[in-house]
Structures are given as structure tokens and as C-alpha cells.
Amino acid sequence: MSSNNEGPLYSSGNFEIIMNHVLHNLCTLDKGDRAVGTPAQWQDLEQLSNELKAYSDKRNILYLADYILKDERGLIECNKSTLRVRLTQIGRDLCAQWLRE
């Protein structure tokens, strides 16, 4: 991630921004489905990650978003073969909140 002469590439604030950006966009895409009680639809995680213009390494952002939202928080589930994700019920329940790292 970084050489011995450099600090970490991302701070906890960066993780918080990445996590909330992807979650907010998933929630926006899922709003209509939540309103009528239908299951969350699969969305393109790569596209959502690419929308974070402040970070140049989009592949790194994709993996960080997947790790934070799926592995650490359980807010999304992922189809690894297609890089598509959808909100879990826990993720849907947190749509109106700003998450802290």
C-alpha cells in the first residue's frame, strides 16, 4: 500500500468518506424498492467506486468499499463474479444515517 518512507495511503477519514459515499449511492438507487417493499436490486460496485473523483486508484477504492461495507459492517452482499452488490436489510435500515469509522 505504501513504501517505508510514506505514511498510510488512506486515513480513517478517507475510509469514512468511501464507506458513506458508496452506501449513500446504493441507498439512492434502492429508494424506490424500499418504498414498495421489494428486495434490493444488484448494483455495479465498480461504477459506484469510480464516482469518487478525489481518489486516483479506483481499484483500491472498490476493494476498500467492499471490505468496509461487506466484511466489517455487513451492509452489503456481493456477487464477486460480476462486481455487483446490493444492500442487506441492515444496510437498508441505515440509509438515512452518516456512518462513523
PDB file of N, CA and C in Angstrom:
ATOM      1  N   MET A   1       0.803  -1.191   0.000  1.00  0.00           N
ATOM      2  CA  MET A   1       0.000   0.000   0.000  1.00  0.00           C
ATOM      3  C   MET A   1       0.846   1.254   0.000  1.00  0.00           C
ATOM      4  N   SER A   2       1.867   1.295   0.813  1.00  0.00           N
ATOM      5  CA  SER A   2       2.758   2.446   0.817  1.00  0.00           C
ATOM      6  C   SER A   2       4.174   1.958   1.060  1.00  0.00           C
ATOM      7  N   SER A   3       5.147   2.762   0.656  1.00  0.00           N
ATOM      8  CA  SER A   3       6.536   2.398   0.903  1.00  0.00           C
ATOM      9  C   SER A   3       6.897   2.748   2.337  1.00  0.00           C
ATOM     10  N   ASN A   4       8.074   2.349   2.766  1.00  0.00           N
ATOM     11  CA  ASN A   4       8.518   2.623   4.136  1.00  0.00           C
ATOM     12  C   ASN A   4       8.667   4.112   4.411  1.00  0.00           C
ATOM     13  N   ASN A   5       8.859   4.917   3.363  1.00  0.00           N
ATOM     14  CA  ASN A   5       9.070   6.349   3.527  1.00  0.00           C
ATOM     15  C   ASN A   5       7.769   7.135   3.547  1.00  0.00           C
ATOM     16  N   GLU A   6       6.683   6.485   3.230  1.00  0.00           N
ATOM     17  CA  GLU A   6       5.408   7.182   3.154  1.00  0.00           C
ATOM     18  C   GLU A   6       4.506   6.744   4.291  1.00  0.00           C
ATOM     19  N   GLY A   7       3.555   7.606   4.619  1.00  0.00           N
ATOM     20  CA  GLY A   7       2.534   7.225   5.583  1.00  0.00           C
ATOM     21  C   GLY A   7       1.477   6.382   4.899  1.00  0.00           C
ATOM     22  N   PRO A   8       0.459   6.023   5.620  1.00  0.00           N
ATOM     23  CA  PRO A   8      -0.615   5.244   5.019  1.00  0.00           C
ATOM     24  C   PRO A   8      -1.295   6.016   3.892  1.00  0.00           C
ATOM     25  N   LEU A   9      -1.774   5.286   2.887  1.00  0.00           N
ATOM     26  CA  LEU A   9      -2.435   5.928   1.748  1.00  0.00           C
ATOM     27  C   LEU A   9      -3.762   6.560   2.133  1.00  0.00           C
ATOM     28  N   TYR A  10      -4.441   5.958   3.098  1.00  0.00           N
ATOM     29  CA  TYR A  10      -5.766   6.431   3.488  1.00  0.00           C
ATOM     30  C   TYR A  10      -5.850   6.574   4.996  1.00  0.00           C
ATOM     31  N   SER A  11      -6.495   7.639   5.434  1.00  0.00           N
ATOM     32  CA  SER A  11      -6.743   7.842   6.861  1.00  0.00           C
ATOM     33  C   SER A  11      -8.117   7.289   7.204  1.00  0.00           C
ATOM     34  N   SER A  12      -8.454   7.267   8.491  1.00  0.00           N
ATOM     35  CA  SER A  12      -9.782   6.803   8.885  1.00  0.00           C
ATOM     36  C   SER A  12     -10.856   7.722   8.296  1.00  0.00           C
ATOM     37  N   GLY A  13     -10.542   8.991   8.118  1.00  0.00           N
ATOM     38  CA  GLY A  13     -11.482   9.913   7.478  1.00  0.00           C
ATOM     39  C   GLY A  13     -11.760   9.527   6.037  1.00  0.00           C
ATOM     40  N   ASN A  14     -10.722   9.055   5.331  1.00  0.00           N
ATOM     41  CA  ASN A  14     -10.914   8.577   3.969  1.00  0.00           C
ATOM     42  C   ASN A  14     -11.818   7.354   3.940  1.00  0.00           C
ATOM     43  N   PHE A  15     -11.605   6.438   4.870  1.00  0.00           N
ATOM     44  CA  PHE A  15     -12.449   5.241   4.943  1.00  0.00           C
ATOM     45  C   PHE A  15     -13.902   5.636   5.163  1.00  0.00           C
ATOM     46  N   GLU A  16     -14.107   6.620   6.021  1.00  0.00           N
ATOM     47  CA  GLU A  16     -15.467   7.089   6.321  1.00  0.00           C
ATOM     48  C   GLU A  16     -16.115   7.694   5.071  1.00  0.00           C
ATOM     49  N   ILE A  17     -15.370   8.475   4.319  1.00  0.00           N
ATOM     50  CA  ILE A  17     -15.890   9.085   3.094  1.00  0.00           C
ATOM     51  C   ILE A  17     -16.249   8.010   2.072  1.00  0.00           C
ATOM     52  N   ILE A  18     -15.349   7.056   1.868  1.00  0.00           N
ATOM     53  CA  ILE A  18     -15.583   5.977   0.901  1.00  0.00           C
ATOM     54  C   ILE A  18     -16.827   5.182   1.297  1.00  0.00           C
ATOM     55  N   MET A  19     -16.887   4.776   2.550  1.00  0.00           N
ATOM     56  CA  MET A  19     -17.997   3.973   3.052  1.00  0.00           C
ATOM     57  C   MET A  19     -19.323   4.712   2.859  1.00  0.00           C
ATOM     58  N   ASN A  20     -19.380   5.965   3.267  1.00  0.00           N
ATOM     59  CA  ASN A  20     -20.626   6.716   3.195  1.00  0.00           C
ATOM     60  C   ASN A  20     -21.011   7.079   1.763  1.00  0.00           C
ATOM     61  N   HIS A  21     -20.034   7.345   0.917  1.00  0.00           N
ATOM     62  CA  HIS A  21     -20.336   7.653  -0.487  1.00  0.00           C
ATOM     63  C   HIS A  21     -21.010   6.462  -1.157  1.00  0.00           C
ATOM     64  N   VAL A  22     -20.416   5.299  -1.030  1.00  0.00           N
ATOM     65  CA  VAL A  22     -20.976   4.112  -1.684  1.00  0.00           C
ATOM     66  C   VAL A  22     -22.318   3.749  -1.063  1.00  0.00           C
ATOM     67  N   LEU A  23     -22.408   3.787   0.264  1.00  0.00           N
ATOM     68  CA  LEU A  23     -23.673   3.464   0.922  1.00  0.00           C
ATOM     69  C   LEU A  23     -24.771   4.449   0.499  1.00  0.00           C
ATOM     70  N   HIS A  24     -24.462   5.741   0.497  1.00  0.00           N
ATOM     71  CA  HIS A  24     -25.465   6.743   0.110  1.00  0.00           C
ATOM     72  C   HIS A  24     -25.962   6.498  -1.313  1.00  0.00           C
ATOM     73  N   ASN A  25     -25.045   6.204  -2.228  1.00  0.00           N
ATOM     74  CA  ASN A  25     -25.454   5.963  -3.607  1.00  0.00           C
ATOM     75  C   ASN A  25     -26.273   4.687  -3.744  1.00  0.00           C
ATOM     76  N   LEU A  26     -25.904   3.643  -3.009  1.00  0.00           N
ATOM     77  CA  LEU A  26     -26.716   2.424  -3.017  1.00  0.00           C
ATOM     78  C   LEU A  26     -28.110   2.710  -2.463  1.00  0.00           C
ATOM     79  N   CYS A  27     -28.177   3.494  -1.411  1.00  0.00           N
ATOM     80  CA  CYS A  27     -29.473   3.844  -0.813  1.00  0.00           C
ATOM     81  C   CYS A  27     -30.325   4.651  -1.780  1.00  0.00           C
ATOM     82  N   THR A  28     -29.707   5.564  -2.517  1.00  0.00           N
ATOM     83  CA  THR A  28     -30.429   6.355  -3.507  1.00  0.00           C
ATOM     84  C   THR A  28     -30.987   5.450  -4.597  1.00  0.00           C
ATOM     85  N   LEU A  29     -30.171   4.523  -5.086  1.00  0.00           N
ATOM     86  CA  LEU A  29     -30.629   3.587  -6.114  1.00  0.00           C
ATOM     87  C   LEU A  29     -31.716   2.650  -5.590  1.00  0.00           C
ATOM     88  N   ASP A  30     -31.698   2.363  -4.302  1.00  0.00           N
ATOM     89  CA  ASP A  30     -32.620   1.413  -3.691  1.00  0.00           C
ATOM     90  C   ASP A  30     -33.888   2.071  -3.146  1.00  0.00           C
ATOM     91  N   LYS A  31     -33.959   3.380  -3.186  1.00  0.00           N
ATOM     92  CA  LYS A  31     -35.065   4.102  -2.547  1.00  0.00           C
ATOM     93  C   LYS A  31     -36.434   3.625  -3.032  1.00  0.00           C
ATOM     94  N   GLY A  32     -36.615   3.489  -4.321  1.00  0.00           N
ATOM     95  CA  GLY A  32     -37.895   3.054  -4.866  1.00  0.00           C
ATOM     96  C   GLY A  32     -38.262   1.647  -4.431  1.00  0.00           C
ATOM     97  N   ASP A  33     -37.265   0.755  -4.406  1.00  0.00           N
ATOM     98  CA  ASP A  33     -37.521  -0.624  -3.974  1.00  0.00           C
ATOM     99  C   ASP A  33     -37.915  -0.672  -2.503  1.00  0.00           C
ATOM    100  N   ARG A  34     -37.240   0.118  -1.661  1.00  0.00           N
ATOM    101  CA  ARG A  34     -37.595   0.160  -0.243  1.00  0.00           C
ATOM    102  C   ARG A  34     -39.020   0.672  -0.057  1.00  0.00           C
ATOM    103  N   ALA A  35     -39.393   1.661  -0.851  1.00  0.00           N
ATOM    104  CA  ALA A  35     -40.711   2.282  -0.708  1.00  0.00           C
ATOM    105  C   ALA A  35     -41.849   1.301  -0.981  1.00  0.00           C
ATOM    106  N   VAL A  36     -41.622   0.351  -1.881  1.00  0.00           N
ATOM    107  CA  VAL A  36     -42.686  -0.605  -2.217  1.00  0.00           C
ATOM    108  C   VAL A  36     -42.425  -1.989  -1.628  1.00  0.00           C
ATOM    109  N   GLY A  37     -41.381  -2.108  -0.812  1.00  0.00           N
ATOM    110  CA  GLY A  37     -41.123  -3.358  -0.106  1.00  0.00           C
ATOM    111  C   GLY A  37     -40.563  -4.478  -0.959  1.00  0.00           C
ATOM    112  N   THR A  38     -39.902  -4.153  -2.052  1.00  0.00           N
ATOM    113  CA  THR A  38     -39.283  -5.192  -2.879  1.00  0.00           C
ATOM    114  C   THR A  38     -37.815  -5.351  -2.507  1.00  0.00           C
ATOM    115  N   PRO A  39     -37.227  -6.501  -2.812  1.00  0.00           N
ATOM    116  CA  PRO A  39     -35.814  -6.739  -2.471  1.00  0.00           C
ATOM    117  C   PRO A  39     -34.887  -5.742  -3.165  1.00  0.00           C
ATOM    118  N   ALA A  40     -33.752  -5.520  -2.544  1.00  0.00           N
ATOM    119  CA  ALA A  40     -32.732  -4.642  -3.127  1.00  0.00           C
ATOM    120  C   ALA A  40     -32.235  -5.245  -4.438  1.00  0.00           C
ATOM    121  N   GLN A  41     -32.007  -4.393  -5.415  1.00  0.00           N
ATOM    122  CA  GLN A  41     -31.507  -4.824  -6.718  1.00  0.00           C
ATOM    123  C   GLN A  41     -29.981  -4.780  -6.727  1.00  0.00           C
ATOM    124  N   TRP A  42     -29.386  -5.592  -7.576  1.00  0.00           N
ATOM    125  CA  TRP A  42     -27.922  -5.611  -7.718  1.00  0.00           C
ATOM    126  C   TRP A  42     -27.458  -4.354  -8.432  1.00  0.00           C
ATOM    127  N   GLN A  43     -26.382  -3.755  -7.922  1.00  0.00           N
ATOM    128  CA  GLN A  43     -25.805  -2.532  -8.490  1.00  0.00           C
ATOM    129  C   GLN A  43     -24.321  -2.762  -8.769  1.00  0.00           C
ATOM    130  N   ASP A  44     -23.759  -1.961  -9.641  1.00  0.00           N
ATOM    131  CA  ASP A  44     -22.372  -2.096 -10.066  1.00  0.00           C
ATOM    132  C   ASP A  44     -21.434  -1.378  -9.089  1.00  0.00           C
ATOM    133  N   LEU A  45     -20.720  -2.134  -8.276  1.00  0.00           N
ATOM    134  CA  LEU A  45     -19.796  -1.551  -7.293  1.00  0.00           C
ATOM    135  C   LEU A  45     -18.662  -0.801  -7.974  1.00  0.00           C
ATOM    136  N   GLU A  46     -18.212  -1.291  -9.094  1.00  0.00           N
ATOM    137  CA  GLU A  46     -17.133  -0.614  -9.815  1.00  0.00           C
ATOM    138  C   GLU A  46     -17.563   0.789 -10.247  1.00  0.00           C
ATOM    139  N   GLN A  47     -18.763   0.910 -10.756  1.00  0.00           N
ATOM    140  CA  GLN A  47     -19.273   2.224 -11.156  1.00  0.00           C
ATOM    141  C   GLN A  47     -19.404   3.148  -9.950  1.00  0.00           C
ATOM    142  N   LEU A  48     -19.931   2.635  -8.847  1.00  0.00           N
ATOM    143  CA  LEU A  48     -20.074   3.447  -7.638  1.00  0.00           C
ATOM    144  C   LEU A  48     -18.716   3.908  -7.113  1.00  0.00           C
ATOM    145  N   SER A  49     -17.724   3.039  -7.178  1.00  0.00           N
ATOM    146  CA  SER A  49     -16.375   3.386  -6.717  1.00  0.00           C
ATOM    147  C   SER A  49     -15.725   4.408  -7.630  1.00  0.00           C
ATOM    148  N   ASN A  50     -15.959   4.295  -8.933  1.00  0.00           N
ATOM    149  CA  ASN A  50     -15.365   5.220  -9.894  1.00  0.00           C
ATOM    150  C   ASN A  50     -15.891   6.639  -9.733  1.00  0.00           C
ATOM    151  N   GLU A  51     -17.035   6.795  -9.118  1.00  0.00           N
ATOM    152  CA  GLU A  51     -17.618   8.120  -8.927  1.00  0.00           C
ATOM    153  C   GLU A  51     -16.885   8.944  -7.872  1.00  0.00           C
ATOM    154  N   LEU A  52     -16.025   8.317  -7.093  1.00  0.00           N
ATOM    155  CA  LEU A  52     -15.234   9.053  -6.099  1.00  0.00           C
ATOM    156  C   LEU A  52     -14.037   9.676  -6.810  1.00  0.00           C
ATOM    157  N   LYS A  53     -14.200  10.870  -7.266  1.00  0.00           N
ATOM    158  CA  LYS A  53     -13.184  11.537  -8.101  1.00  0.00           C
ATOM    159  C   LYS A  53     -11.916  11.919  -7.342  1.00  0.00           C
ATOM    160  N   ALA A  54     -11.996  12.069  -6.035  1.00  0.00           N
ATOM    161  CA  ALA A  54     -10.843  12.526  -5.254  1.00  0.00           C
ATOM    162  C   ALA A  54      -9.749  11.469  -5.123  1.00  0.00           C
ATOM    163  N   TYR A  55     -10.063  10.220  -5.460  1.00  0.00           N
ATOM    164  CA  TYR A  55      -9.102   9.130  -5.296  1.00  0.00           C
ATOM    165  C   TYR A  55      -8.729   8.574  -6.661  1.00  0.00           C
ATOM    166  N   SER A  56      -7.421   8.504  -6.933  1.00  0.00           N
ATOM    167  CA  SER A  56      -6.975   8.096  -8.263  1.00  0.00           C
ATOM    168  C   SER A  56      -6.987   6.582  -8.469  1.00  0.00           C
ATOM    169  N   ASP A  57      -6.740   5.798  -7.434  1.00  0.00           N
ATOM    170  CA  ASP A  57      -6.684   4.345  -7.581  1.00  0.00           C
ATOM    171  C   ASP A  57      -8.078   3.746  -7.379  1.00  0.00           C
ATOM    172  N   LYS A  58      -8.851   3.705  -8.455  1.00  0.00           N
ATOM    173  CA  LYS A  58     -10.254   3.270  -8.378  1.00  0.00           C
ATOM    174  C   LYS A  58     -10.369   1.809  -7.962  1.00  0.00           C
ATOM    175  N   ARG A  59      -9.438   0.979  -8.348  1.00  0.00           N
ATOM    176  CA  ARG A  59      -9.484  -0.445  -7.971  1.00  0.00           C
ATOM    177  C   ARG A  59      -9.316  -0.578  -6.457  1.00  0.00           C
ATOM    178  N   ASN A  60      -8.436   0.214  -5.888  1.00  0.00           N
ATOM    179  CA  ASN A  60      -8.230   0.209  -4.441  1.00  0.00           C
ATOM    180  C   ASN A  60      -9.504   0.649  -3.718  1.00  0.00           C
ATOM    181  N   ILE A  61     -10.168   1.665  -4.239  1.00  0.00           N
ATOM    182  CA  ILE A  61     -11.417   2.156  -3.657  1.00  0.00           C
ATOM    183  C   ILE A  61     -12.474   1.066  -3.705  1.00  0.00           C
ATOM    184  N   LEU A  62     -12.546   0.354  -4.812  1.00  0.00           N
ATOM    185  CA  LEU A  62     -13.510  -0.732  -4.960  1.00  0.00           C
ATOM    186  C   LEU A  62     -13.301  -1.781  -3.876  1.00  0.00           C
ATOM    187  N   TYR A  63     -12.063  -2.192  -3.663  1.00  0.00           N
ATOM    188  CA  TYR A  63     -11.779  -3.214  -2.651  1.00  0.00           C
ATOM    189  C   TYR A  63     -12.023  -2.694  -1.234  1.00  0.00           C
ATOM    190  N   LEU A  64     -11.672  -1.440  -0.985  1.00  0.00           N
ATOM    191  CA  LEU A  64     -11.925  -0.862   0.334  1.00  0.00           C
ATOM    192  C   LEU A  64     -13.425  -0.777   0.623  1.00  0.00           C
ATOM    193  N   ALA A  65     -14.198  -0.333  -0.351  1.00  0.00           N
ATOM    194  CA  ALA A  65     -15.650  -0.236  -0.167  1.00  0.00           C
ATOM    195  C   ALA A  65     -16.235  -1.614   0.102  1.00  0.00           C
ATOM    196  N   ASP A  66     -15.802  -2.608  -0.646  1.00  0.00           N
ATOM    197  CA  ASP A  66     -16.280  -3.973  -0.452  1.00  0.00           C
ATOM    198  C   ASP A  66     -15.925  -4.470   0.943  1.00  0.00           C
ATOM    199  N   TYR A  67     -14.689  -4.261   1.350  1.00  0.00           N
ATOM    200  CA  TYR A  67     -14.244  -4.746   2.654  1.00  0.00           C
ATOM    201  C   TYR A  67     -14.994  -4.057   3.801  1.00  0.00           C
ATOM    202  N   ILE A  68     -15.056  -2.739   3.749  1.00  0.00           N
ATOM    203  CA  ILE A  68     -15.677  -1.987   4.843  1.00  0.00           C
ATOM    204  C   ILE A  68     -17.176  -2.281   4.930  1.00  0.00           C
ATOM    205  N   LEU A  69     -17.864  -2.207   3.792  1.00  0.00           N
ATOM    206  CA  LEU A  69     -19.318  -2.347   3.810  1.00  0.00           C
ATOM    207  C   LEU A  69     -19.786  -3.795   3.961  1.00  0.00           C
ATOM    208  N   LYS A  70     -19.031  -4.741   3.398  1.00  0.00           N
ATOM    209  CA  LYS A  70     -19.455  -6.138   3.467  1.00  0.00           C
ATOM    210  C   LYS A  70     -18.829  -6.851   4.650  1.00  0.00           C
ATOM    211  N   ASP A  71     -17.515  -6.880   4.699  1.00  0.00           N
ATOM    212  CA  ASP A  71     -16.819  -7.684   5.704  1.00  0.00           C
ATOM    213  C   ASP A  71     -16.870  -7.084   7.104  1.00  0.00           C
ATOM    214  N   GLU A  72     -16.670  -5.769   7.207  1.00  0.00           N
ATOM    215  CA  GLU A  72     -16.656  -5.147   8.536  1.00  0.00           C
ATOM    216  C   GLU A  72     -18.051  -4.840   9.062  1.00  0.00           C
ATOM    217  N   ARG A  73     -18.944  -4.395   8.190  1.00  0.00           N
ATOM    218  CA  ARG A  73     -20.238  -3.874   8.647  1.00  0.00           C
ATOM    219  C   ARG A  73     -21.445  -4.742   8.292  1.00  0.00           C
ATOM    220  N   GLY A  74     -21.322  -5.598   7.279  1.00  0.00           N
ATOM    221  CA  GLY A  74     -22.455  -6.429   6.859  1.00  0.00           C
ATOM    222  C   GLY A  74     -23.580  -5.637   6.212  1.00  0.00           C
ATOM    223  N   LEU A  75     -23.251  -4.511   5.573  1.00  0.00           N
ATOM    224  CA  LEU A  75     -24.266  -3.639   4.993  1.00  0.00           C
ATOM    225  C   LEU A  75     -24.604  -3.983   3.550  1.00  0.00           C
ATOM    226  N   ILE A  76     -23.701  -4.727   2.901  1.00  0.00           N
ATOM    227  CA  ILE A  76     -23.945  -5.147   1.528  1.00  0.00           C
ATOM    228  C   ILE A  76     -23.609  -6.619   1.390  1.00  0.00           C
ATOM    229  N   GLU A  77     -24.157  -7.214   0.348  1.00  0.00           N
ATOM    230  CA  GLU A  77     -23.729  -8.533  -0.073  1.00  0.00           C
ATOM    231  C   GLU A  77     -23.194  -8.379  -1.487  1.00  0.00           C
ATOM    232  N   CYS A  78     -22.293  -9.268  -1.879  1.00  0.00           N
ATOM    233  CA  CYS A  78     -21.567  -9.088  -3.128  1.00  0.00           C
ATOM    234  C   CYS A  78     -21.612 -10.347  -3.975  1.00  0.00           C
ATOM    235  N   ASN A  79     -21.763 -10.148  -5.270  1.00  0.00           N
ATOM    236  CA  ASN A  79     -21.597 -11.207  -6.243  1.00  0.00           C
ATOM    237  C   ASN A  79     -20.214 -10.980  -6.850  1.00  0.00           C
ATOM    238  N   LYS A  80     -19.224 -11.731  -6.402  1.00  0.00           N
ATOM    239  CA  LYS A  80     -17.825 -11.499  -6.797  1.00  0.00           C
ATOM    240  C   LYS A  80     -17.587 -11.665  -8.290  1.00  0.00           C
ATOM    241  N   SER A  81     -18.346 -12.511  -8.956  1.00  0.00           N
ATOM    242  CA  SER A  81     -18.103 -12.746 -10.382  1.00  0.00           C
ATOM    243  C   SER A  81     -18.533 -11.562 -11.247  1.00  0.00           C
ATOM    244  N   THR A  82     -19.457 -10.743 -10.749  1.00  0.00           N
ATOM    245  CA  THR A  82     -19.944  -9.614 -11.546  1.00  0.00           C
ATOM    246  C   THR A  82     -19.610  -8.261 -10.936  1.00  0.00           C
ATOM    247  N   LEU A  83     -19.026  -8.235  -9.744  1.00  0.00           N
ATOM    248  CA  LEU A  83     -18.753  -6.998  -9.009  1.00  0.00           C
ATOM    249  C   LEU A  83     -20.028  -6.201  -8.759  1.00  0.00           C
ATOM    250  N   ARG A  84     -21.125  -6.898  -8.614  1.00  0.00           N
ATOM    251  CA  ARG A  84     -22.389  -6.250  -8.308  1.00  0.00           C
ATOM    252  C   ARG A  84     -22.704  -6.491  -6.835  1.00  0.00           C
ATOM    253  N   VAL A  85     -23.286  -5.480  -6.230  1.00  0.00           N
ATOM    254  CA  VAL A  85     -23.604  -5.527  -4.803  1.00  0.00           C
ATOM    255  C   VAL A  85     -25.044  -5.088  -4.594  1.00  0.00           C
ATOM    256  N   ARG A  86     -25.574  -5.444  -3.436  1.00  0.00           N
ATOM    257  CA  ARG A  86     -26.877  -4.924  -3.036  1.00  0.00           C
ATOM    258  C   ARG A  86     -26.889  -4.782  -1.523  1.00  0.00           C
ATOM    259  N   LEU A  87     -27.756  -3.928  -1.066  1.00  0.00           N
ATOM    260  CA  LEU A  87     -27.881  -3.673   0.362  1.00  0.00           C
ATOM    261  C   LEU A  87     -28.472  -4.881   1.077  1.00  0.00           C
ATOM    262  N   THR A  88     -27.956  -5.166   2.249  1.00  0.00           N
ATOM    263  CA  THR A  88     -28.599  -6.118   3.139  1.00  0.00           C
ATOM    264  C   THR A  88     -29.702  -5.360   3.884  1.00  0.00           C
ATOM    265  N   GLN A  89     -30.478  -6.063   4.668  1.00  0.00           N
ATOM    266  CA  GLN A  89     -31.520  -5.369   5.437  1.00  0.00           C
ATOM    267  C   GLN A  89     -30.891  -4.389   6.426  1.00  0.00           C
ATOM    268  N   ILE A  90     -29.766  -4.771   7.008  1.00  0.00           N
ATOM    269  CA  ILE A  90     -29.058  -3.856   7.920  1.00  0.00           C
ATOM    270  C   ILE A  90     -28.648  -2.591   7.178  1.00  0.00           C
ATOM    271  N   GLY A  91     -28.116  -2.743   5.965  1.00  0.00           N
ATOM    272  CA  GLY A  91     -27.732  -1.597   5.153  1.00  0.00           C
ATOM    273  C   GLY A  91     -28.920  -0.711   4.827  1.00  0.00           C
ATOM    274  N   ARG A  92     -30.025  -1.337   4.479  1.00  0.00           N
ATOM    275  CA  ARG A  92     -31.238  -0.572   4.185  1.00  0.00           C
ATOM    276  C   ARG A  92     -31.701   0.211   5.411  1.00  0.00           C
ATOM    277  N   ASP A  93     -31.600  -0.400   6.566  1.00  0.00           N
ATOM    278  CA  ASP A  93     -32.041   0.267   7.797  1.00  0.00           C
ATOM    279  C   ASP A  93     -31.183   1.478   8.142  1.00  0.00           C
ATOM    280  N   LEU A  94     -29.951   1.508   7.658  1.00  0.00           N
ATOM    281  CA  LEU A  94     -29.030   2.612   7.977  1.00  0.00           C
ATOM    282  C   LEU A  94     -28.945   3.669   6.878  1.00  0.00           C
ATOM    283  N   CYS A  95     -29.823   3.602   5.902  1.00  0.00           N
ATOM    284  CA  CYS A  95     -29.719   4.501   4.749  1.00  0.00           C
ATOM    285  C   CYS A  95     -29.770   5.983   5.104  1.00  0.00           C
ATOM    286  N   ALA A  96     -30.471   6.383   6.105  1.00  0.00           N
ATOM    287  CA  ALA A  96     -30.605   7.798   6.428  1.00  0.00           C
ATOM    288  C   ALA A  96     -29.509   8.299   7.375  1.00  0.00           C
ATOM    289  N   GLN A  97     -28.533   7.470   7.678  1.00  0.00           N
ATOM    290  CA  GLN A  97     -27.516   7.826   8.668  1.00  0.00           C
ATOM    291  C   GLN A  97     -26.140   8.030   8.028  1.00  0.00           C
ATOM    292  N   TRP A  98     -25.338   8.878   8.668  1.00  0.00           N
ATOM    293  CA  TRP A  98     -23.927   9.025   8.329  1.00  0.00           C
ATOM    294  C   TRP A  98     -23.167   8.077   9.231  1.00  0.00           C
ATOM    295  N   LEU A  99     -22.413   7.170   8.652  1.00  0.00           N
ATOM    296  CA  LEU A  99     -21.689   6.172   9.439  1.00  0.00           C
ATOM    297  C   LEU A  99     -20.309   6.689   9.818  1.00  0.00           C
ATOM    298  N   ARG A 100     -19.901   6.410  11.012  1.00  0.00           N
ATOM    299  CA  ARG A 100     -18.574   6.798  11.510  1.00  0.00           C
ATOM    300  C   ARG A 100     -17.636   5.613  11.449  1.00  0.00           C
ATOM    301  N   GLU A 101     -16.383   5.892  11.204  1.00  0.00           N
ATOM    302  CA  GLU A 101     -15.355   4.849  11.126  1.00  0.00           C
ATOM    303  C   GLU A 101     -15.080   4.273  12.478  1.00  0.00           C
TER     304      GLU A 101
END
